[in-house]
Amino acid sequence: MNSLKFSALQDRKPVKINVRGEDICVTRIGDEVFAIGDVCTHSDASLSEGDVTDFKIECWLHGAEFDLRTGEALTLPANIPAKTYQVNIVDDVVEVQVN
């Protein structure tokens, strides 16, 4: 498990963290935080460099979109979902759990 400050996260500005060797894209939307595998399932591009709209993140390289809540690949060229991670917020600390 890795942690960071909730107050340090900017709304809809994804950041990349590494937990136990896994790159994870963490995104705050309002009072919620989502964690998804940082690597696009289509092209190995970093999702944390993409744009967030609604509850979707768009891969900067080819435009594939993923649902931040479920990891579902929403648009081509991606057709494989991204892994999602459980997030807990305790006293301004964001905890991302990796099993």
PDB file of N, CA and C in Angstrom:
ATOM      1  N   MET A   1       0.842  -1.172   0.000  1.00  0.00           N
ATOM      2  CA  MET A   1       0.000   0.000   0.000  1.00  0.00           C
ATOM      3  C   MET A   1       0.893   1.242   0.000  1.00  0.00           C
ATOM      4  N   ASN A   2       0.500   2.255  -0.741  1.00  0.00           N
ATOM      5  CA  ASN A   2       1.232   3.513  -0.810  1.00  0.00           C
ATOM      6  C   ASN A   2       0.265   4.638  -0.454  1.00  0.00           C
ATOM      7  N   SER A   3       0.778   5.771   0.011  1.00  0.00           N
ATOM      8  CA  SER A   3      -0.131   6.858   0.372  1.00  0.00           C
ATOM      9  C   SER A   3       0.409   8.198  -0.102  1.00  0.00           C
ATOM     10  N   LEU A   4      -0.493   9.152  -0.255  1.00  0.00           N
ATOM     11  CA  LEU A   4      -0.159  10.527  -0.591  1.00  0.00           C
ATOM     12  C   LEU A   4      -1.248  11.419  -0.016  1.00  0.00           C
ATOM     13  N   LYS A   5      -1.034  12.722  -0.035  1.00  0.00           N
ATOM     14  CA  LYS A   5      -1.974  13.670   0.563  1.00  0.00           C
ATOM     15  C   LYS A   5      -3.126  13.983  -0.394  1.00  0.00           C
ATOM     16  N   PHE A   6      -4.347  13.853   0.118  1.00  0.00           N
ATOM     17  CA  PHE A   6      -5.537  14.213  -0.656  1.00  0.00           C
ATOM     18  C   PHE A   6      -5.474  15.682  -1.053  1.00  0.00           C
ATOM     19  N   SER A   7      -5.082  16.534  -0.110  1.00  0.00           N
ATOM     20  CA  SER A   7      -5.034  17.975  -0.369  1.00  0.00           C
ATOM     21  C   SER A   7      -3.994  18.344  -1.429  1.00  0.00           C
ATOM     22  N   ALA A   8      -3.048  17.465  -1.704  1.00  0.00           N
ATOM     23  CA  ALA A   8      -2.024  17.731  -2.720  1.00  0.00           C
ATOM     24  C   ALA A   8      -2.505  17.385  -4.129  1.00  0.00           C
ATOM     25  N   LEU A   9      -3.583  16.628  -4.233  1.00  0.00           N
ATOM     26  CA  LEU A   9      -4.101  16.241  -5.547  1.00  0.00           C
ATOM     27  C   LEU A   9      -4.969  17.362  -6.119  1.00  0.00           C
ATOM     28  N   GLN A  10      -4.674  17.755  -7.342  1.00  0.00           N
ATOM     29  CA  GLN A  10      -5.496  18.746  -8.025  1.00  0.00           C
ATOM     30  C   GLN A  10      -6.637  18.028  -8.736  1.00  0.00           C
ATOM     31  N   ASP A  11      -7.804  18.648  -8.732  1.00  0.00           N
ATOM     32  CA  ASP A  11      -8.980  18.056  -9.363  1.00  0.00           C
ATOM     33  C   ASP A  11      -8.728  17.775 -10.842  1.00  0.00           C
ATOM     34  N   ARG A  12      -8.974  16.538 -11.248  1.00  0.00           N
ATOM     35  CA  ARG A  12      -8.861  16.085 -12.646  1.00  0.00           C
ATOM     36  C   ARG A  12      -7.446  16.205 -13.224  1.00  0.00           C
ATOM     37  N   LYS A  13      -6.435  16.210 -12.347  1.00  0.00           N
ATOM     38  CA  LYS A  13      -5.035  16.233 -12.787  1.00  0.00           C
ATOM     39  C   LYS A  13      -4.384  14.935 -12.317  1.00  0.00           C
ATOM     40  N   PRO A  14      -4.310  13.929 -13.172  1.00  0.00           N
ATOM     41  CA  PRO A  14      -3.773  12.635 -12.758  1.00  0.00           C
ATOM     42  C   PRO A  14      -2.294  12.701 -12.389  1.00  0.00           C
ATOM     43  N   VAL A  15      -1.910  11.833 -11.456  1.00  0.00           N
ATOM     44  CA  VAL A  15      -0.509  11.695 -11.060  1.00  0.00           C
ATOM     45  C   VAL A  15      -0.146  10.213 -11.087  1.00  0.00           C
ATOM     46  N   LYS A  16       1.112   9.961 -11.322  1.00  0.00           N
ATOM     47  CA  LYS A  16       1.614   8.592 -11.363  1.00  0.00           C
ATOM     48  C   LYS A  16       2.356   8.300 -10.068  1.00  0.00           C
ATOM     49  N   ILE A  17       2.008   7.164  -9.451  1.00  0.00           N
ATOM     50  CA  ILE A  17       2.739   6.692  -8.286  1.00  0.00           C
ATOM     51  C   ILE A  17       3.164   5.254  -8.559  1.00  0.00           C
ATOM     52  N   ASN A  18       4.084   4.766  -7.764  1.00  0.00           N
ATOM     53  CA  ASN A  18       4.520   3.379  -7.903  1.00  0.00           C
ATOM     54  C   ASN A  18       4.332   2.692  -6.560  1.00  0.00           C
ATOM     55  N   VAL A  19       3.590   1.590  -6.587  1.00  0.00           N
ATOM     56  CA  VAL A  19       3.346   0.808  -5.388  1.00  0.00           C
ATOM     57  C   VAL A  19       3.798  -0.624  -5.657  1.00  0.00           C
ATOM     58  N   ARG A  20       4.781  -1.071  -4.906  1.00  0.00           N
ATOM     59  CA  ARG A  20       5.296  -2.444  -5.044  1.00  0.00           C
ATOM     60  C   ARG A  20       5.610  -2.799  -6.491  1.00  0.00           C
ATOM     61  N   GLY A  21       6.200  -1.875  -7.209  1.00  0.00           N
ATOM     62  CA  GLY A  21       6.596  -2.121  -8.588  1.00  0.00           C
ATOM     63  C   GLY A  21       5.504  -1.914  -9.617  1.00  0.00           C
ATOM     64  N   GLU A  22       4.308  -1.530  -9.193  1.00  0.00           N
ATOM     65  CA  GLU A  22       3.200  -1.281 -10.127  1.00  0.00           C
ATOM     66  C   GLU A  22       3.005   0.221 -10.295  1.00  0.00           C
ATOM     67  N   ASP A  23       3.011   0.684 -11.550  1.00  0.00           N
ATOM     68  CA  ASP A  23       2.717   2.084 -11.833  1.00  0.00           C
ATOM     69  C   ASP A  23       1.205   2.273 -11.818  1.00  0.00           C
ATOM     70  N   ILE A  24       0.761   3.262 -11.054  1.00  0.00           N
ATOM     71  CA  ILE A  24      -0.667   3.503 -10.853  1.00  0.00           C
ATOM     72  C   ILE A  24      -0.969   4.972 -11.112  1.00  0.00           C
ATOM     73  N   CYS A  25      -2.050   5.216 -11.838  1.00  0.00           N
ATOM     74  CA  CYS A  25      -2.530   6.563 -12.118  1.00  0.00           C
ATOM     75  C   CYS A  25      -3.605   6.898 -11.086  1.00  0.00           C
ATOM     76  N   VAL A  26      -3.377   7.965 -10.315  1.00  0.00           N
ATOM     77  CA  VAL A  26      -4.316   8.393  -9.273  1.00  0.00           C
ATOM     78  C   VAL A  26      -4.930   9.722  -9.703  1.00  0.00           C
ATOM     79  N   THR A  27      -6.254   9.801  -9.625  1.00  0.00           N
ATOM     80  CA  THR A  27      -6.967  10.997 -10.067  1.00  0.00           C
ATOM     81  C   THR A  27      -8.031  11.384  -9.051  1.00  0.00           C
ATOM     82  N   ARG A  28      -8.051  12.660  -8.713  1.00  0.00           N
ATOM     83  CA  ARG A  28      -9.086  13.195  -7.831  1.00  0.00           C
ATOM     84  C   ARG A  28     -10.173  13.841  -8.681  1.00  0.00           C
ATOM     85  N   ILE A  29     -11.424  13.505  -8.353  1.00  0.00           N
ATOM     86  CA  ILE A  29     -12.576  14.151  -8.973  1.00  0.00           C
ATOM     87  C   ILE A  29     -13.479  14.585  -7.823  1.00  0.00           C
ATOM     88  N   GLY A  30     -13.451  15.870  -7.535  1.00  0.00           N
ATOM     89  CA  GLY A  30     -14.205  16.378  -6.392  1.00  0.00           C
ATOM     90  C   GLY A  30     -13.661  15.796  -5.106  1.00  0.00           C
ATOM     91  N   ASP A  31     -14.539  15.139  -4.352  1.00  0.00           N
ATOM     92  CA  ASP A  31     -14.140  14.527  -3.083  1.00  0.00           C
ATOM     93  C   ASP A  31     -13.785  13.053  -3.220  1.00  0.00           C
ATOM     94  N   GLU A  32     -13.743  12.546  -4.454  1.00  0.00           N
ATOM     95  CA  GLU A  32     -13.430  11.136  -4.692  1.00  0.00           C
ATOM     96  C   GLU A  32     -12.060  11.002  -5.337  1.00  0.00           C
ATOM     97  N   VAL A  33     -11.423   9.875  -5.084  1.00  0.00           N
ATOM     98  CA  VAL A  33     -10.122   9.576  -5.692  1.00  0.00           C
ATOM     99  C   VAL A  33     -10.208   8.199  -6.326  1.00  0.00           C
ATOM    100  N   PHE A  34      -9.668   8.090  -7.530  1.00  0.00           N
ATOM    101  CA  PHE A  34      -9.684   6.835  -8.278  1.00  0.00           C
ATOM    102  C   PHE A  34      -8.259   6.425  -8.611  1.00  0.00           C
ATOM    103  N   ALA A  35      -8.029   5.125  -8.643  1.00  0.00           N
ATOM    104  CA  ALA A  35      -6.705   4.594  -8.980  1.00  0.00           C
ATOM    105  C   ALA A  35      -6.878   3.519 -10.043  1.00  0.00           C
ATOM    106  N   ILE A  36      -6.112   3.662 -11.113  1.00  0.00           N
ATOM    107  CA  ILE A  36      -6.194   2.762 -12.259  1.00  0.00           C
ATOM    108  C   ILE A  36      -4.769   2.470 -12.718  1.00  0.00           C
ATOM    109  N   GLY A  37      -4.551   1.311 -13.300  1.00  0.00           N
ATOM    110  CA  GLY A  37      -3.228   0.999 -13.827  1.00  0.00           C
ATOM    111  C   GLY A  37      -2.765   2.107 -14.752  1.00  0.00           C
ATOM    112  N   ASP A  38      -1.520   2.529 -14.613  1.00  0.00           N
ATOM    113  CA  ASP A  38      -1.037   3.686 -15.375  1.00  0.00           C
ATOM    114  C   ASP A  38      -0.767   3.390 -16.839  1.00  0.00           C
ATOM    115  N   VAL A  39      -0.688   2.138 -17.214  1.00  0.00           N
ATOM    116  CA  VAL A  39      -0.316   1.790 -18.585  1.00  0.00           C
ATOM    117  C   VAL A  39      -1.550   1.507 -19.431  1.00  0.00           C
ATOM    118  N   CYS A  40      -1.673   2.209 -20.546  1.00  0.00           N
ATOM    119  CA  CYS A  40      -2.762   1.972 -21.492  1.00  0.00           C
ATOM    120  C   CYS A  40      -2.673   0.529 -21.993  1.00  0.00           C
ATOM    121  N   THR A  41      -3.792  -0.159 -21.990  1.00  0.00           N
ATOM    122  CA  THR A  41      -3.792  -1.562 -22.409  1.00  0.00           C
ATOM    123  C   THR A  41      -3.621  -1.731 -23.919  1.00  0.00           C
ATOM    124  N   HIS A  42      -3.654  -0.641 -24.648  1.00  0.00           N
ATOM    125  CA  HIS A  42      -3.460  -0.705 -26.096  1.00  0.00           C
ATOM    126  C   HIS A  42      -2.011  -0.472 -26.501  1.00  0.00           C
ATOM    127  N   SER A  43      -1.323   0.480 -25.831  1.00  0.00           N
ATOM    128  CA  SER A  43      -0.041   0.911 -26.385  1.00  0.00           C
ATOM    129  C   SER A  43       1.090   1.115 -25.388  1.00  0.00           C
ATOM    130  N   ASP A  44       0.917   0.743 -24.143  1.00  0.00           N
ATOM    131  CA  ASP A  44       1.944   0.941 -23.119  1.00  0.00           C
ATOM    132  C   ASP A  44       2.273   2.408 -22.871  1.00  0.00           C
ATOM    133  N   ALA A  45       1.358   3.312 -23.169  1.00  0.00           N
ATOM    134  CA  ALA A  45       1.551   4.736 -22.873  1.00  0.00           C
ATOM    135  C   ALA A  45       1.059   5.013 -21.456  1.00  0.00           C
ATOM    136  N   SER A  46       1.620   6.022 -20.819  1.00  0.00           N
ATOM    137  CA  SER A  46       1.258   6.377 -19.454  1.00  0.00           C
ATOM    138  C   SER A  46      -0.072   7.125 -19.412  1.00  0.00           C
ATOM    139  N   LEU A  47      -1.058   6.535 -18.738  1.00  0.00           N
ATOM    140  CA  LEU A  47      -2.370   7.186 -18.643  1.00  0.00           C
ATOM    141  C   LEU A  47      -2.318   8.458 -17.803  1.00  0.00           C
ATOM    142  N   SER A  48      -1.378   8.548 -16.881  1.00  0.00           N
ATOM    143  CA  SER A  48      -1.293   9.745 -16.033  1.00  0.00           C
ATOM    144  C   SER A  48      -0.911  10.994 -16.822  1.00  0.00           C
ATOM    145  N   GLU A  49      -0.509  10.822 -18.067  1.00  0.00           N
ATOM    146  CA  GLU A  49      -0.222  11.955 -18.942  1.00  0.00           C
ATOM    147  C   GLU A  49      -1.446  12.356 -19.768  1.00  0.00           C
ATOM    148  N   GLY A  50      -2.569  11.649 -19.559  1.00  0.00           N
ATOM    149  CA  GLY A  50      -3.776  11.906 -20.332  1.00  0.00           C
ATOM    150  C   GLY A  50      -4.691  12.921 -19.684  1.00  0.00           C
ATOM    151  N   ASP A  51      -5.806  13.179 -20.346  1.00  0.00           N
ATOM    152  CA  ASP A  51      -6.799  14.148 -19.883  1.00  0.00           C
ATOM    153  C   ASP A  51      -7.973  13.432 -19.234  1.00  0.00           C
ATOM    154  N   VAL A  52      -8.527  14.048 -18.181  1.00  0.00           N
ATOM    155  CA  VAL A  52      -9.674  13.506 -17.471  1.00  0.00           C
ATOM    156  C   VAL A  52     -10.895  14.373 -17.748  1.00  0.00           C
ATOM    157  N   THR A  53     -11.982  13.724 -18.183  1.00  0.00           N
ATOM    158  CA  THR A  53     -13.276  14.386 -18.335  1.00  0.00           C
ATOM    159  C   THR A  53     -14.323  13.453 -17.745  1.00  0.00           C
ATOM    160  N   ASP A  54     -15.273  14.021 -17.037  1.00  0.00           N
ATOM    161  CA  ASP A  54     -16.269  13.212 -16.329  1.00  0.00           C
ATOM    162  C   ASP A  54     -15.524  12.175 -15.492  1.00  0.00           C
ATOM    163  N   PHE A  55     -15.824  10.915 -15.671  1.00  0.00           N
ATOM    164  CA  PHE A  55     -15.126   9.840 -14.954  1.00  0.00           C
ATOM    165  C   PHE A  55     -14.287   9.011 -15.918  1.00  0.00           C
ATOM    166  N   LYS A  56     -13.779   9.671 -16.967  1.00  0.00           N
ATOM    167  CA  LYS A  56     -12.976   8.994 -17.983  1.00  0.00           C
ATOM    168  C   LYS A  56     -11.584   9.607 -18.048  1.00  0.00           C
ATOM    169  N   ILE A  57     -10.618   8.748 -18.390  1.00  0.00           N
ATOM    170  CA  ILE A  57      -9.279   9.245 -18.683  1.00  0.00           C
ATOM    171  C   ILE A  57      -8.949   8.829 -20.102  1.00  0.00           C
ATOM    172  N   GLU A  58      -8.365   9.772 -20.856  1.00  0.00           N
ATOM    173  CA  GLU A  58      -8.027   9.522 -22.255  1.00  0.00           C
ATOM    174  C   GLU A  58      -6.529   9.355 -22.399  1.00  0.00           C
ATOM    175  N   CYS A  59      -6.117   8.279 -23.051  1.00  0.00           N
ATOM    176  CA  CYS A  59      -4.706   8.051 -23.333  1.00  0.00           C
ATOM    177  C   CYS A  59      -4.228   9.115 -24.313  1.00  0.00           C
ATOM    178  N   TRP A  60      -3.143   9.750 -23.982  1.00  0.00           N
ATOM    179  CA  TRP A  60      -2.613  10.843 -24.796  1.00  0.00           C
ATOM    180  C   TRP A  60      -2.089  10.372 -26.149  1.00  0.00           C
ATOM    181  N   LEU A  61      -1.745   9.103 -26.271  1.00  0.00           N
ATOM    182  CA  LEU A  61      -1.091   8.632 -27.492  1.00  0.00           C
ATOM    183  C   LEU A  61      -2.060   8.341 -28.636  1.00  0.00           C
ATOM    184  N   HIS A  62      -3.100   7.557 -28.374  1.00  0.00           N
ATOM    185  CA  HIS A  62      -4.031   7.184 -29.438  1.00  0.00           C
ATOM    186  C   HIS A  62      -5.489   7.511 -29.135  1.00  0.00           C
ATOM    187  N   GLY A  63      -5.760   8.121 -27.975  1.00  0.00           N
ATOM    188  CA  GLY A  63      -7.114   8.569 -27.673  1.00  0.00           C
ATOM    189  C   GLY A  63      -8.051   7.547 -27.056  1.00  0.00           C
ATOM    190  N   ALA A  64      -7.554   6.373 -26.695  1.00  0.00           N
ATOM    191  CA  ALA A  64      -8.420   5.391 -26.031  1.00  0.00           C
ATOM    192  C   ALA A  64      -8.867   5.959 -24.684  1.00  0.00           C
ATOM    193  N   GLU A  65     -10.124   5.694 -24.318  1.00  0.00           N
ATOM    194  CA  GLU A  65     -10.661   6.182 -23.055  1.00  0.00           C
ATOM    195  C   GLU A  65     -10.998   5.021 -22.132  1.00  0.00           C
ATOM    196  N   PHE A  66     -10.764   5.250 -20.821  1.00  0.00           N
ATOM    197  CA  PHE A  66     -11.042   4.246 -19.805  1.00  0.00           C
ATOM    198  C   PHE A  66     -11.909   4.855 -18.715  1.00  0.00           C
ATOM    199  N   ASP A  67     -12.845   4.062 -18.187  1.00  0.00           N
ATOM    200  CA  ASP A  67     -13.674   4.496 -17.065  1.00  0.00           C
ATOM    201  C   ASP A  67     -12.822   4.392 -15.800  1.00  0.00           C
ATOM    202  N   LEU A  68     -12.656   5.493 -15.095  1.00  0.00           N
ATOM    203  CA  LEU A  68     -11.831   5.505 -13.890  1.00  0.00           C
ATOM    204  C   LEU A  68     -12.435   4.669 -12.763  1.00  0.00           C
ATOM    205  N   ARG A  69     -13.740   4.483 -12.789  1.00  0.00           N
ATOM    206  CA  ARG A  69     -14.410   3.734 -11.718  1.00  0.00           C
ATOM    207  C   ARG A  69     -14.273   2.238 -11.896  1.00  0.00           C
ATOM    208  N   THR A  70     -14.260   1.765 -13.162  1.00  0.00           N
ATOM    209  CA  THR A  70     -14.287   0.322 -13.421  1.00  0.00           C
ATOM    210  C   THR A  70     -13.078  -0.182 -14.207  1.00  0.00           C
ATOM    211  N   GLY A  71     -12.360   0.714 -14.853  1.00  0.00           N
ATOM    212  CA  GLY A  71     -11.252   0.319 -15.714  1.00  0.00           C
ATOM    213  C   GLY A  71     -11.682  -0.075 -17.119  1.00  0.00           C
ATOM    214  N   GLU A  72     -12.991  -0.091 -17.368  1.00  0.00           N
ATOM    215  CA  GLU A  72     -13.513  -0.508 -18.673  1.00  0.00           C
ATOM    216  C   GLU A  72     -12.926   0.340 -19.796  1.00  0.00           C
ATOM    217  N   ALA A  73     -12.500  -0.327 -20.873  1.00  0.00           N
ATOM    218  CA  ALA A  73     -12.056   0.366 -22.079  1.00  0.00           C
ATOM    219  C   ALA A  73     -13.310   0.849 -22.801  1.00  0.00           C
ATOM    220  N   LEU A  74     -13.448   2.175 -22.939  1.00  0.00           N
ATOM    221  CA  LEU A  74     -14.669   2.757 -23.495  1.00  0.00           C
ATOM    222  C   LEU A  74     -14.597   3.021 -24.984  1.00  0.00           C
ATOM    223  N   THR A  75     -13.389   3.249 -25.500  1.00  0.00           N
ATOM    224  CA  THR A  75     -13.240   3.551 -26.923  1.00  0.00           C
ATOM    225  C   THR A  75     -12.025   2.814 -27.491  1.00  0.00           C
ATOM    226  N   LEU A  76     -12.113   2.551 -28.774  1.00  0.00           N
ATOM    227  CA  LEU A  76     -10.979   1.968 -29.484  1.00  0.00           C
ATOM    228  C   LEU A  76      -9.888   3.016 -29.602  1.00  0.00           C
ATOM    229  N   PRO A  77      -8.659   2.641 -29.728  1.00  0.00           N
ATOM    230  CA  PRO A  77      -8.196   1.306 -30.063  1.00  0.00           C
ATOM    231  C   PRO A  77      -8.071   0.351 -28.880  1.00  0.00           C
ATOM    232  N   ALA A  78      -8.273   0.790 -27.656  1.00  0.00           N
ATOM    233  CA  ALA A  78      -8.201  -0.133 -26.515  1.00  0.00           C
ATOM    234  C   ALA A  78      -9.470  -0.972 -26.435  1.00  0.00           C
ATOM    235  N   ASN A  79      -9.312  -2.259 -26.158  1.00  0.00           N
ATOM    236  CA  ASN A  79     -10.469  -3.123 -25.951  1.00  0.00           C
ATOM    237  C   ASN A  79     -10.284  -4.033 -24.737  1.00  0.00           C
ATOM    238  N   ILE A  80      -9.213  -3.826 -24.000  1.00  0.00           N
ATOM    239  CA  ILE A  80      -8.927  -4.576 -22.777  1.00  0.00           C
ATOM    240  C   ILE A  80      -9.014  -3.596 -21.606  1.00  0.00           C
ATOM    241  N   PRO A  81      -9.745  -3.945 -20.547  1.00  0.00           N
ATOM    242  CA  PRO A  81      -9.861  -3.024 -19.412  1.00  0.00           C
ATOM    243  C   PRO A  81      -8.532  -2.834 -18.685  1.00  0.00           C
ATOM    244  N   ALA A  82      -8.412  -1.699 -18.016  1.00  0.00           N
ATOM    245  CA  ALA A  82      -7.260  -1.424 -17.170  1.00  0.00           C
ATOM    246  C   ALA A  82      -7.593  -1.879 -15.750  1.00  0.00           C
ATOM    247  N   LYS A  83      -6.585  -2.260 -15.014  1.00  0.00           N
ATOM    248  CA  LYS A  83      -6.773  -2.692 -13.633  1.00  0.00           C
ATOM    249  C   LYS A  83      -7.137  -1.492 -12.765  1.00  0.00           C
ATOM    250  N   THR A  84      -8.048  -1.686 -11.821  1.00  0.00           N
ATOM    251  CA  THR A  84      -8.391  -0.636 -10.871  1.00  0.00           C
ATOM    252  C   THR A  84      -7.968  -1.076  -9.474  1.00  0.00           C
ATOM    253  N   TYR A  85      -7.831  -0.095  -8.581  1.00  0.00           N
ATOM    254  CA  TYR A  85      -7.357  -0.345  -7.221  1.00  0.00           C
ATOM    255  C   TYR A  85      -8.291   0.316  -6.221  1.00  0.00           C
ATOM    256  N   GLN A  86      -8.441  -0.303  -5.067  1.00  0.00           N
ATOM    257  CA  GLN A  86      -9.250   0.274  -3.998  1.00  0.00           C
ATOM    258  C   GLN A  86      -8.506   1.454  -3.399  1.00  0.00           C
ATOM    259  N   VAL A  87      -9.262   2.517  -3.120  1.00  0.00           N
ATOM    260  CA  VAL A  87      -8.703   3.735  -2.533  1.00  0.00           C
ATOM    261  C   VAL A  87      -9.455   4.052  -1.251  1.00  0.00           C
ATOM    262  N   ASN A  88      -8.717   4.393  -0.205  1.00  0.00           N
ATOM    263  CA  ASN A  88      -9.297   4.866   1.051  1.00  0.00           C
ATOM    264  C   ASN A  88      -8.676   6.217   1.368  1.00  0.00           C
ATOM    265  N   ILE A  89      -9.494   7.121   1.916  1.00  0.00           N
ATOM    266  CA  ILE A  89      -8.996   8.435   2.341  1.00  0.00           C
ATOM    267  C   ILE A  89      -9.199   8.523   3.851  1.00  0.00           C
ATOM    268  N   VAL A  90      -8.099   8.690   4.578  1.00  0.00           N
ATOM    269  CA  VAL A  90      -8.137   8.771   6.032  1.00  0.00           C
ATOM    270  C   VAL A  90      -7.309   9.980   6.465  1.00  0.00           C
ATOM    271  N   ASP A  91      -7.983  10.976   7.044  1.00  0.00           N
ATOM    272  CA  ASP A  91      -7.282  12.163   7.548  1.00  0.00           C
ATOM    273  C   ASP A  91      -6.333  12.770   6.518  1.00  0.00           C
ATOM    274  N   ASP A  92      -6.840  13.056   5.338  1.00  0.00           N
ATOM    275  CA  ASP A  92      -6.088  13.688   4.249  1.00  0.00           C
ATOM    276  C   ASP A  92      -5.051  12.768   3.605  1.00  0.00           C
ATOM    277  N   VAL A  93      -5.000  11.519   3.993  1.00  0.00           N
ATOM    278  CA  VAL A  93      -4.057  10.579   3.380  1.00  0.00           C
ATOM    279  C   VAL A  93      -4.834   9.672   2.432  1.00  0.00           C
ATOM    280  N   VAL A  94      -4.347   9.588   1.183  1.00  0.00           N
ATOM    281  CA  VAL A  94      -4.933   8.701   0.180  1.00  0.00           C
ATOM    282  C   VAL A  94      -4.151   7.399   0.212  1.00  0.00           C
ATOM    283  N   GLU A  95      -4.851   6.313   0.491  1.00  0.00           N
ATOM    284  CA  GLU A  95      -4.227   5.004   0.533  1.00  0.00           C
ATOM    285  C   GLU A  95      -4.691   4.191  -0.665  1.00  0.00           C
ATOM    286  N   VAL A  96      -3.740   3.745  -1.478  1.00  0.00           N
ATOM    287  CA  VAL A  96      -4.032   2.904  -2.640  1.00  0.00           C
ATOM    288  C   VAL A  96      -3.592   1.491  -2.289  1.00  0.00           C
ATOM    289  N   GLN A  97      -4.523   0.561  -2.349  1.00  0.00           N
ATOM    290  CA  GLN A  97      -4.218  -0.806  -1.947  1.00  0.00           C
ATOM    291  C   GLN A  97      -3.890  -1.676  -3.143  1.00  0.00           C
ATOM    292  N   VAL A  98      -2.759  -2.345  -3.043  1.00  0.00           N
ATOM    293  CA  VAL A  98      -2.313  -3.272  -4.076  1.00  0.00           C
ATOM    294  C   VAL A  98      -2.267  -4.665  -3.453  1.00  0.00           C
ATOM    295  N   ASN A  99      -2.956  -5.621  -4.057  1.00  0.00           N
ATOM    296  CA  ASN A  99      -2.944  -6.987  -3.527  1.00  0.00           C
ATOM    297  C   ASN A  99      -1.824  -7.794  -4.118  1.00  0.00           C
TER     298      ASN A  99
END
